[in-house]
Amino acid sequence: MTGKEHNKLVSIFLLVHAGLQIFGVIIAMLIYGGLGMAMLVNARRNEEQMIGGIFIALMFAVVLVSLIFVVPQIVGGWKLLKEKSSARIWGIIASLVCLISIPFGTAVGIYGLWFLVGEEGKRFYLSGGNAANNYPPPPPNNWQ
């Protein structure tokens, strides 16, 4: 595989992983937000209302923490896909953030770090995206 193909795969994997995390957060928001709202609306005592408020506050806290982890993946995946100059740095940050999420995120993070920190990723990004010119020419075809 060429550096361009590895770069495209890493970007797609980062964006898919971010999408899966966003989907999970939306599901959690619906569940815990719904529970909190149900407790607030149907509460007969102050304690029940307080528990509903705690559910809603925790839901917002989980959303904020999740955004801290998802935003670098989206930015890194997008920049890698568009082959921007700062894509390598954002890709490394996004890959490091992915390592926490077991098992799919760990695989994405390891693959992203393998490419971006390795020789092929350095060659691809430090040559301005034109890594094909940096490979040595093939050996001459004089085996006959």
Protein backbone atom coordinates (compact mmCIF):
# COMPACT_ATOMS: atom_id res chain seq x y z
CA MET A 1 0.00 0.00 0.00
CA THR A 2 1.13 3.51 -0.69
CA GLY A 3 1.33 6.33 1.81
CA LYS A 4 -1.69 7.96 0.21
CA GLU A 5 -3.77 4.81 0.73
CA HIS A 6 -2.64 4.45 4.36
CA ASN A 7 -3.46 8.11 4.92
CA LYS A 8 -6.96 7.68 3.50
CA LEU A 9 -7.59 4.57 5.61
CA VAL A 10 -6.45 6.27 8.82
CA SER A 11 -8.70 9.26 8.11
CA ILE A 12 -11.71 7.04 7.40
CA PHE A 13 -11.09 4.97 10.53
CA LEU A 14 -10.80 8.09 12.70
CA LEU A 15 -14.02 9.55 11.30
CA VAL A 16 -15.92 6.26 11.67
CA HIS A 17 -14.71 5.88 15.26
CA ALA A 18 -15.78 9.44 16.04
CA GLY A 19 -19.18 8.75 14.49
CA LEU A 20 -19.64 5.63 16.60
CA GLN A 21 -18.75 7.58 19.73
CA ILE A 22 -21.20 10.34 18.82
CA PHE A 23 -23.91 7.72 18.23
CA GLY A 24 -23.22 6.21 21.67
CA VAL A 25 -23.38 9.60 23.33
CA ILE A 26 -26.69 10.38 21.63
CA ILE A 27 -28.15 7.09 22.86
CA ALA A 28 -26.90 7.80 26.40
CA MET A 29 -28.31 11.33 26.19
CA LEU A 30 -31.72 10.01 25.21
CA ILE A 31 -31.76 7.40 27.97
CA TYR A 32 -30.43 9.51 30.85
CA GLY A 33 -32.06 12.72 29.68
CA GLY A 34 -35.36 10.90 29.34
CA LEU A 35 -35.03 9.39 32.81
CA GLY A 36 -34.15 12.76 34.27
CA MET A 37 -37.05 14.51 32.57
CA ALA A 38 -39.45 11.76 33.65
CA MET A 39 -38.31 12.15 37.24
CA LEU A 40 -38.67 15.93 37.07
CA VAL A 41 -42.14 15.85 35.53
CA ASN A 42 -43.61 13.03 37.61
CA ALA A 43 -41.93 13.88 40.92
CA ARG A 44 -44.10 14.16 43.97
CA ARG A 45 -41.31 15.00 46.39
CA ASN A 46 -38.32 17.31 46.29
CA GLU A 47 -35.90 14.36 46.54
CA GLU A 48 -37.25 12.88 43.32
CA GLN A 49 -36.92 16.22 41.55
CA MET A 50 -33.36 16.54 42.80
CA ILE A 51 -32.48 13.08 41.47
CA GLY A 52 -33.98 14.01 38.08
CA GLY A 53 -31.87 17.18 38.06
CA ILE A 54 -28.77 15.15 38.90
CA PHE A 55 -29.49 12.81 35.96
CA ILE A 56 -29.77 15.76 33.59
CA ALA A 57 -26.62 17.42 34.98
CA LEU A 58 -24.67 14.18 34.62
CA MET A 59 -25.94 13.84 31.07
CA PHE A 60 -24.53 17.27 30.19
CA ALA A 61 -21.23 16.45 31.91
CA VAL A 62 -20.91 13.21 29.90
CA VAL A 63 -21.64 15.11 26.67
CA LEU A 64 -18.97 17.71 27.43
CA VAL A 65 -16.33 15.11 28.32
CA SER A 66 -17.21 13.12 25.20
CA LEU A 67 -16.80 16.21 23.04
CA ILE A 68 -13.30 16.66 24.42
CA PHE A 69 -12.44 13.21 23.08
CA VAL A 70 -14.42 13.31 19.82
CA VAL A 71 -13.39 16.73 18.46
CA PRO A 72 -9.68 15.82 17.91
CA GLN A 73 -10.76 12.69 16.05
CA ILE A 74 -13.07 14.61 13.74
CA VAL A 75 -10.52 17.35 13.09
CA GLY A 76 -7.69 14.86 12.63
CA GLY A 77 -9.71 12.60 10.34
CA TRP A 78 -10.88 15.53 8.23
CA LYS A 79 -7.41 17.05 7.91
CA LEU A 80 -5.93 13.67 7.01
CA LEU A 81 -8.62 13.14 4.39
CA LYS A 82 -7.87 16.55 2.84
CA GLU A 83 -4.08 16.07 3.29
CA LYS A 84 -3.62 19.42 5.05
CA SER A 85 -0.21 20.50 6.30
CA SER A 86 -1.15 20.11 9.98
CA ALA A 87 -2.86 16.75 9.41
CA ARG A 88 0.02 14.66 10.75
CA ILE A 89 -0.01 16.40 14.14
CA TRP A 90 -3.81 16.23 14.43
CA GLY A 91 -3.75 12.61 13.32
CA ILE A 92 -1.22 11.72 16.01
CA ILE A 93 -3.32 13.48 18.67
CA ALA A 94 -6.50 11.76 17.44
CA SER A 95 -4.77 8.38 17.37
CA LEU A 96 -3.58 8.85 20.95
CA VAL A 97 -7.11 9.76 22.04
CA CYS A 98 -8.47 6.64 20.27
CA LEU A 99 -6.19 4.33 22.23
CA ILE A 100 -8.43 4.66 25.29
CA SER A 101 -11.46 3.14 23.55
CA ILE A 102 -11.14 -0.64 23.61
CA PRO A 103 -11.18 -2.60 21.22
CA PHE A 104 -11.97 -0.70 18.00
CA GLY A 105 -10.41 2.59 19.11
CA THR A 106 -7.25 0.84 20.21
CA ALA A 107 -6.88 -0.75 16.78
CA VAL A 108 -7.51 2.60 15.06
CA GLY A 109 -5.04 4.35 17.34
CA ILE A 110 -2.29 1.79 16.85
CA TYR A 111 -2.73 1.80 13.07
CA GLY A 112 -2.78 5.60 12.97
CA LEU A 113 0.34 5.90 15.11
CA TRP A 114 2.10 3.18 13.11
CA PHE A 115 1.55 5.12 9.91
CA LEU A 116 1.93 8.72 11.10
CA VAL A 117 4.98 8.19 13.31
CA GLY A 118 6.58 5.63 10.97
CA GLU A 119 8.84 6.28 8.03
CA GLU A 120 6.09 6.13 5.44
CA GLY A 121 3.95 8.73 7.21
CA LYS A 122 6.93 11.02 7.75
CA ARG A 123 7.89 10.66 4.11
CA PHE A 124 4.30 11.33 2.98
CA TYR A 125 3.80 14.46 5.05
CA LEU A 126 7.29 15.90 5.05
CA SER A 127 7.47 15.70 1.25
CA GLY A 128 4.25 17.67 0.87
CA GLY A 129 2.03 14.69 0.11
CA ASN A 130 4.10 13.59 -2.85
CA ALA A 131 5.74 10.53 -1.36
CA ALA A 132 5.91 8.70 -4.68
CA ASN A 133 8.97 10.71 -5.73
CA ASN A 134 10.95 9.80 -2.62
CA TYR A 135 11.05 6.06 -3.17
CA PRO A 136 14.15 4.66 -4.84
CA PRO A 137 13.63 3.52 -8.42
CA PRO A 138 12.99 -0.17 -8.99
CA PRO A 139 15.99 -2.34 -9.81
CA PRO A 140 16.80 -2.70 -13.49
CA ASN A 141 15.16 -5.54 -15.31
CA ASN A 142 18.37 -7.27 -16.36
CA TRP A 143 17.85 -10.70 -14.86
CA GLN A 144 17.82 -12.37 -18.25
